């Protein structure tokens, strides 16, 4: 199978892009959590981000959706969730490019060091509404549609 079609390369490239862009300033999780995450001292976090690769269509121009769920707790007016939304939107935007979107490096992660084999381009970002939960957690889901050239 060609490197541009491998899910491991796609996931690792997107994960690297997000961690390099915002990882040191946010609580990132690349898997589902079934409870409120805690910090190193066991204290429940007040905000966090969960990221999942959604459906994929593999072709010469391949497509996937990255699902980014934003969580805040004790955010009465929704300011914190708005700030997280702005962080994510800024990550995928480049006001200096012709399209306004960034180019995400696409790596063959089976080589050492990783070889860049192309680029992934965000096409659109769909923002859902805030969903309040009983425990004062707010959730907002963003879906980022990505496209890249592949050898199908």
C-alpha atoms as a PDB file:
ATOM      1  CA  UNK A   1       0.000   0.000   0.000  1.00  0.00           C
ATOM      2  CA  UNK A   2       1.262   3.457  -0.839  1.00  0.00           C
ATOM      3  CA  UNK A   3       2.413   5.632   2.075  1.00  0.00           C
ATOM      4  CA  UNK A   4      -0.136   8.332   1.172  1.00  0.00           C
ATOM      5  CA  UNK A   5      -2.970   5.882   1.902  1.00  0.00           C
ATOM      6  CA  UNK A   6      -1.798   4.561   5.281  1.00  0.00           C
ATOM      7  CA  UNK A   7      -3.911   5.557   8.263  1.00  0.00           C
ATOM      8  CA  UNK A   8      -0.908   5.449  10.596  1.00  0.00           C
ATOM      9  CA  UNK A   9       0.867   8.103   8.513  1.00  0.00           C
ATOM     10  CA  UNK A  10      -2.275  10.264   8.415  1.00  0.00           C
ATOM     11  CA  UNK A  11      -2.952  10.050  12.164  1.00  0.00           C
ATOM     12  CA  UNK A  12       0.650  10.624  13.192  1.00  0.00           C
ATOM     13  CA  UNK A  13       1.047  13.577  10.807  1.00  0.00           C
ATOM     14  CA  UNK A  14      -2.112  15.254  12.115  1.00  0.00           C
ATOM     15  CA  UNK A  15      -1.163  14.512  15.729  1.00  0.00           C
ATOM     16  CA  UNK A  16       2.314  16.030  15.188  1.00  0.00           C
ATOM     17  CA  UNK A  17       0.806  19.135  13.570  1.00  0.00           C
ATOM     18  CA  UNK A  18      -1.623  19.699  16.439  1.00  0.00           C
ATOM     19  CA  UNK A  19       0.920  19.011  19.185  1.00  0.00           C
ATOM     20  CA  UNK A  20       3.520  21.251  17.517  1.00  0.00           C
ATOM     21  CA  UNK A  21       0.888  23.986  17.111  1.00  0.00           C
ATOM     22  CA  UNK A  22      -0.835  24.005  20.507  1.00  0.00           C
ATOM     23  CA  UNK A  23       0.286  20.964  22.506  1.00  0.00           C
ATOM     24  CA  UNK A  24       2.286  22.742  25.146  1.00  0.00           C
ATOM     25  CA  UNK A  25      -0.554  25.118  26.041  1.00  0.00           C
ATOM     26  CA  UNK A  26      -3.591  22.790  26.005  1.00  0.00           C
ATOM     27  CA  UNK A  27      -4.744  19.493  27.514  1.00  0.00           C
ATOM     28  CA  UNK A  28      -4.851  17.242  24.428  1.00  0.00           C
ATOM     29  CA  UNK A  29      -6.186  13.695  24.199  1.00  0.00           C
ATOM     30  CA  UNK A  30      -6.174  11.611  21.028  1.00  0.00           C
ATOM     31  CA  UNK A  31      -8.694   9.062  22.215  1.00  0.00           C
ATOM     32  CA  UNK A  32     -12.119   8.984  23.826  1.00  0.00           C
ATOM     33  CA  UNK A  33     -12.317   9.664  27.543  1.00  0.00           C
ATOM     34  CA  UNK A  34     -15.252   8.429  29.541  1.00  0.00           C
ATOM     35  CA  UNK A  35     -14.662  10.626  32.574  1.00  0.00           C
ATOM     36  CA  UNK A  36     -13.305  14.084  33.322  1.00  0.00           C
ATOM     37  CA  UNK A  37      -9.502  13.867  33.006  1.00  0.00           C
ATOM     38  CA  UNK A  38      -7.267  14.828  35.930  1.00  0.00           C
ATOM     39  CA  UNK A  39      -3.899  16.539  36.183  1.00  0.00           C
ATOM     40  CA  UNK A  40      -0.762  15.109  37.857  1.00  0.00           C
ATOM     41  CA  UNK A  41      -2.121  15.972  41.319  1.00  0.00           C
ATOM     42  CA  UNK A  42      -5.454  14.200  40.663  1.00  0.00           C
ATOM     43  CA  UNK A  43      -7.422  17.451  40.273  1.00  0.00           C
ATOM     44  CA  UNK A  44     -10.111  17.416  37.573  1.00  0.00           C
ATOM     45  CA  UNK A  45      -9.253  19.552  34.543  1.00  0.00           C
ATOM     46  CA  UNK A  46     -11.425  22.576  33.731  1.00  0.00           C
ATOM     47  CA  UNK A  47     -10.775  22.394  29.992  1.00  0.00           C
ATOM     48  CA  UNK A  48      -9.497  19.804  27.534  1.00  0.00           C
ATOM     49  CA  UNK A  49      -9.550  18.839  23.859  1.00  0.00           C
ATOM     50  CA  UNK A  50     -10.231  15.378  22.400  1.00  0.00           C
ATOM     51  CA  UNK A  51      -9.189  14.669  18.815  1.00  0.00           C
ATOM     52  CA  UNK A  52     -10.273  11.779  16.608  1.00  0.00           C
ATOM     53  CA  UNK A  53      -9.823  10.945  12.946  1.00  0.00           C
ATOM     54  CA  UNK A  54     -13.282  10.387  11.482  1.00  0.00           C
ATOM     55  CA  UNK A  55     -14.411   8.868   8.205  1.00  0.00           C
ATOM     56  CA  UNK A  56     -11.981   8.675   5.304  1.00  0.00           C
ATOM     57  CA  UNK A  57     -12.402   8.514   1.544  1.00  0.00           C
ATOM     58  CA  UNK A  58      -9.227   7.224  -0.072  1.00  0.00           C
ATOM     59  CA  UNK A  59      -8.730   8.239  -3.706  1.00  0.00           C
ATOM     60  CA  UNK A  60      -6.300  10.285  -5.801  1.00  0.00           C
ATOM     61  CA  UNK A  61      -7.615  13.268  -3.842  1.00  0.00           C
ATOM     62  CA  UNK A  62      -8.315  11.742  -0.435  1.00  0.00           C
ATOM     63  CA  UNK A  63     -10.534  13.226   2.258  1.00  0.00           C
ATOM     64  CA  UNK A  64     -10.938  12.802   5.986  1.00  0.00           C
ATOM     65  CA  UNK A  65     -12.723  14.588   8.784  1.00  0.00           C
ATOM     66  CA  UNK A  66     -10.922  15.376  12.018  1.00  0.00           C
ATOM     67  CA  UNK A  67     -13.352  15.618  14.911  1.00  0.00           C
ATOM     68  CA  UNK A  68     -12.186  18.001  17.613  1.00  0.00           C
ATOM     69  CA  UNK A  69     -14.284  18.065  20.765  1.00  0.00           C
ATOM     70  CA  UNK A  70     -13.731  20.985  23.134  1.00  0.00           C
ATOM     71  CA  UNK A  71     -14.670  20.643  26.809  1.00  0.00           C
ATOM     72  CA  UNK A  72     -14.900  23.244  29.574  1.00  0.00           C
ATOM     73  CA  UNK A  73     -16.187  23.026  33.149  1.00  0.00           C
ATOM     74  CA  UNK A  74     -17.546  25.898  35.230  1.00  0.00           C
ATOM     75  CA  UNK A  75     -17.674  28.123  32.128  1.00  0.00           C
ATOM     76  CA  UNK A  76     -20.916  30.004  32.856  1.00  0.00           C
ATOM     77  CA  UNK A  77     -20.848  32.459  29.956  1.00  0.00           C
ATOM     78  CA  UNK A  78     -18.935  30.230  27.540  1.00  0.00           C
ATOM     79  CA  UNK A  79     -15.816  32.418  27.364  1.00  0.00           C
ATOM     80  CA  UNK A  80     -13.407  29.506  27.866  1.00  0.00           C
ATOM     81  CA  UNK A  81     -15.005  27.401  25.141  1.00  0.00           C
ATOM     82  CA  UNK A  82     -14.901  30.410  22.797  1.00  0.00           C
ATOM     83  CA  UNK A  83     -11.182  30.811  23.540  1.00  0.00           C
ATOM     84  CA  UNK A  84     -10.552  27.116  22.750  1.00  0.00           C
ATOM     85  CA  UNK A  85     -12.526  27.509  19.511  1.00  0.00           C
ATOM     86  CA  UNK A  86     -10.320  30.467  18.557  1.00  0.00           C
ATOM     87  CA  UNK A  87      -7.168  28.424  19.279  1.00  0.00           C
ATOM     88  CA  UNK A  88      -8.335  25.614  16.977  1.00  0.00           C
ATOM     89  CA  UNK A  89      -9.450  27.973  14.208  1.00  0.00           C
ATOM     90  CA  UNK A  90      -6.115  29.806  14.324  1.00  0.00           C
ATOM     91  CA  UNK A  91      -4.239  26.509  14.084  1.00  0.00           C
ATOM     92  CA  UNK A  92      -5.806  25.706  10.697  1.00  0.00           C
ATOM     93  CA  UNK A  93      -5.631  29.242   9.252  1.00  0.00           C
ATOM     94  CA  UNK A  94      -2.768  31.100   7.601  1.00  0.00           C
ATOM     95  CA  UNK A  95      -3.663  34.649   6.655  1.00  0.00           C
ATOM     96  CA  UNK A  96      -0.465  34.892   4.584  1.00  0.00           C
ATOM     97  CA  UNK A  97      -1.442  32.063   2.204  1.00  0.00           C
ATOM     98  CA  UNK A  98      -3.573  32.518  -0.925  1.00  0.00           C
ATOM     99  CA  UNK A  99      -6.314  30.229   0.425  1.00  0.00           C
ATOM    100  CA  UNK A 100      -6.182  31.386   4.041  1.00  0.00           C
ATOM    101  CA  UNK A 101      -5.474  27.807   5.176  1.00  0.00           C
ATOM    102  CA  UNK A 102      -2.303  26.151   6.405  1.00  0.00           C
ATOM    103  CA  UNK A 103      -0.530  23.249   4.755  1.00  0.00           C
ATOM    104  CA  UNK A 104      -0.090  20.345   7.158  1.00  0.00           C
ATOM    105  CA  UNK A 105       3.073  18.324   6.451  1.00  0.00           C
ATOM    106  CA  UNK A 106       2.229  14.700   5.583  1.00  0.00           C
ATOM    107  CA  UNK A 107       4.916  12.251   6.724  1.00  0.00           C
ATOM    108  CA  UNK A 108       5.885   8.671   6.023  1.00  0.00           C
ATOM    109  CA  UNK A 109       6.243   7.740   9.676  1.00  0.00           C
ATOM    110  CA  UNK A 110       7.713   4.310   8.993  1.00  0.00           C
ATOM    111  CA  UNK A 111      11.018   5.879   7.968  1.00  0.00           C
ATOM    112  CA  UNK A 112      13.523   7.208  10.469  1.00  0.00           C
ATOM    113  CA  UNK A 113      13.653  10.163  10.492  1.00  0.00           C
ATOM    114  CA  UNK A 114      10.168  10.733   9.100  1.00  0.00           C
ATOM    115  CA  UNK A 115      10.119  11.686   5.411  1.00  0.00           C
ATOM    116  CA  UNK A 116       7.721  14.387   4.266  1.00  0.00           C
ATOM    117  CA  UNK A 117       5.700  12.875   1.412  1.00  0.00           C
ATOM    118  CA  UNK A 118       3.168  15.621   0.756  1.00  0.00           C
ATOM    119  CA  UNK A 119       0.780  18.060   2.317  1.00  0.00           C
ATOM    120  CA  UNK A 120      -2.683  17.945   3.845  1.00  0.00           C
ATOM    121  CA  UNK A 121      -4.952  20.951   3.345  1.00  0.00           C
ATOM    122  CA  UNK A 122      -7.882  21.971   5.548  1.00  0.00           C
ATOM    123  CA  UNK A 123     -10.868  22.699   3.301  1.00  0.00           C
ATOM    124  CA  UNK A 124     -13.531  23.683   5.820  1.00  0.00           C
ATOM    125  CA  UNK A 125     -14.269  23.842   9.537  1.00  0.00           C
ATOM    126  CA  UNK A 126     -17.777  23.184  10.804  1.00  0.00           C
ATOM    127  CA  UNK A 127     -18.472  24.403  14.341  1.00  0.00           C
ATOM    128  CA  UNK A 128     -21.291  22.873  16.331  1.00  0.00           C
ATOM    129  CA  UNK A 129     -23.168  24.644  19.099  1.00  0.00           C
ATOM    130  CA  UNK A 130     -22.385  24.409  22.809  1.00  0.00           C
ATOM    131  CA  UNK A 131     -23.924  21.394  24.513  1.00  0.00           C
ATOM    132  CA  UNK A 132     -24.292  21.814  28.312  1.00  0.00           C
ATOM    133  CA  UNK A 133     -24.154  18.758  30.576  1.00  0.00           C
ATOM    134  CA  UNK A 134     -25.568  18.328  34.071  1.00  0.00           C
ATOM    135  CA  UNK A 135     -22.114  18.502  35.719  1.00  0.00           C
ATOM    136  CA  UNK A 136     -21.536  22.049  34.347  1.00  0.00           C
ATOM    137  CA  UNK A 137     -19.399  20.763  31.458  1.00  0.00           C
ATOM    138  CA  UNK A 138     -19.861  22.393  28.059  1.00  0.00           C
ATOM    139  CA  UNK A 139     -18.946  20.557  24.852  1.00  0.00           C
ATOM    140  CA  UNK A 140     -18.478  22.002  21.378  1.00  0.00           C
ATOM    141  CA  UNK A 141     -17.577  19.786  18.437  1.00  0.00           C
ATOM    142  CA  UNK A 142     -15.611  21.055  15.457  1.00  0.00           C
ATOM    143  CA  UNK A 143     -15.205  19.028  12.290  1.00  0.00           C
ATOM    144  CA  UNK A 144     -12.265  19.861  10.057  1.00  0.00           C
ATOM    145  CA  UNK A 145     -12.397  18.500   6.511  1.00  0.00           C
ATOM    146  CA  UNK A 146      -8.929  17.710   5.152  1.00  0.00           C
ATOM    147  CA  UNK A 147      -7.783  16.760   1.642  1.00  0.00           C
ATOM    148  CA  UNK A 148      -4.495  15.443   0.287  1.00  0.00           C
ATOM    149  CA  UNK A 149      -3.096  13.947  -2.889  1.00  0.00           C
ATOM    150  CA  UNK A 150      -2.653  10.184  -2.757  1.00  0.00           C
ATOM    151  CA  UNK A 151      -1.622   7.304  -4.999  1.00  0.00           C
ATOM    152  CA  UNK A 152      -4.835   5.285  -4.998  1.00  0.00           C
END
